[in-house]
Protein backbone atom coordinates (compact mmCIF):
# COMPACT_ATOMS: atom_id res chain seq x y z
CA UNK A 1 -82.97 194.02 -80.66
CA UNK A 2 -81.00 191.04 -78.60
CA UNK A 3 -79.83 192.23 -75.38
CA UNK A 4 -76.15 193.20 -74.97
CA UNK A 5 -75.43 189.83 -73.15
CA UNK A 6 -76.63 187.76 -76.19
CA UNK A 7 -74.93 190.21 -78.70
CA UNK A 8 -71.63 190.00 -76.91
CA UNK A 9 -72.08 186.37 -76.97
CA UNK A 10 -72.06 186.40 -80.57
CA UNK A 11 -69.03 188.59 -80.48
CA UNK A 12 -67.20 185.95 -78.63
CA UNK A 13 -68.34 183.35 -80.89
CA UNK A 14 -67.25 185.01 -84.27
CA UNK A 15 -63.91 186.32 -83.14
CA UNK A 16 -60.65 185.20 -81.51
CA UNK A 17 -60.77 188.23 -79.31
CA UNK A 18 -61.89 186.94 -75.52
CA UNK A 19 -63.93 189.74 -74.18
CA UNK A 20 -63.76 187.88 -70.73
CA UNK A 21 -60.02 187.24 -70.80
CA UNK A 22 -59.52 190.84 -71.58
CA UNK A 23 -61.73 192.13 -69.05
CA UNK A 24 -59.92 189.95 -66.25
CA UNK A 25 -56.66 191.15 -67.51
CA UNK A 26 -57.60 194.82 -67.52
CA UNK A 27 -59.24 194.71 -64.16
CA UNK A 28 -55.87 193.39 -62.73
CA UNK A 29 -53.69 195.80 -64.51
CA UNK A 30 -55.99 199.04 -62.92
CA UNK A 31 -55.97 197.51 -59.51
CA UNK A 32 -52.58 198.98 -58.48
CA UNK A 33 -53.87 202.38 -59.63
CA UNK A 34 -57.05 202.22 -57.39
CA UNK A 35 -59.24 201.57 -60.73
CA UNK A 36 -61.77 199.19 -61.66
CA UNK A 37 -62.90 198.23 -65.10
CA UNK A 38 -66.70 197.57 -66.14
CA UNK A 39 -67.67 194.54 -67.91
CA UNK A 40 -67.59 194.59 -71.61
CA UNK A 41 -70.54 196.66 -73.43
CA UNK A 42 -71.22 197.26 -76.91
CA UNK A 43 -70.63 200.94 -78.25
CA UNK A 44 -74.12 200.97 -79.45
CA UNK A 45 -75.65 200.41 -75.99
CA UNK A 46 -73.56 202.83 -74.46
CA UNK A 47 -74.37 205.61 -77.15
CA UNK A 48 -78.12 204.70 -77.02
CA UNK A 49 -77.96 205.38 -73.17
CA UNK A 50 -75.85 208.49 -73.43
CA UNK A 51 -78.60 209.75 -76.13
CA UNK A 52 -81.28 209.19 -73.69
CA UNK A 53 -79.52 210.79 -70.65
CA UNK A 54 -77.03 213.43 -71.65
CA UNK A 55 -78.19 214.54 -75.37
CA UNK A 56 -75.69 212.25 -76.93
CA UNK A 57 -72.67 213.90 -75.33
CA UNK A 58 -69.59 212.21 -74.56
CA UNK A 59 -70.70 209.32 -76.76
CA UNK A 60 -68.04 206.72 -78.25
CA UNK A 61 -66.73 207.26 -81.68
CA UNK A 62 -66.54 203.56 -83.04
CA UNK A 63 -68.83 201.40 -85.01
CA UNK A 64 -71.68 200.27 -83.27
CA UNK A 65 -70.84 196.53 -82.82
CA UNK A 66 -67.76 197.35 -81.21
CA UNK A 67 -67.07 196.00 -77.69
CA UNK A 68 -65.86 199.02 -74.90
CA UNK A 69 -64.76 198.83 -71.28
CA UNK A 70 -64.81 201.84 -68.90
CA UNK A 71 -62.25 202.42 -66.62
CA UNK A 72 -63.22 204.18 -63.34
CA UNK A 73 -61.34 205.16 -59.66
CA UNK A 74 -62.70 203.28 -56.85
CA UNK A 75 -65.02 205.28 -54.58
CA UNK A 76 -63.17 207.46 -52.21
CA UNK A 77 -59.74 207.31 -54.10
CA UNK A 78 -59.99 210.85 -56.08
CA UNK A 79 -61.64 213.04 -53.42
CA UNK A 80 -62.60 216.14 -55.72
C-alpha cells in the first residue's frame, strides 16, 4: 500500500484542487480563532488508525480516497 504522502501526491497530480494551498489558506483562517490545521491526510488512513486505536469510533464518513484536514485548538487555549 502506498504511504499517505505518495497517495496525496497522486491526488495533487490528478486534480485541480491544490491541497497545499488549501492547507495554507485554512491555517491562516484558523489562526485568529487560536486554532491550527493538520496537514492533509486521506480519509482511509484516518479511519484505519481509528479502527486500530478506538474500535472505529469517530470515523469519517467519506470515500477512502477523500482528502481531509483536522482543526484543533492550540495547547492551553481551551482549559477544560
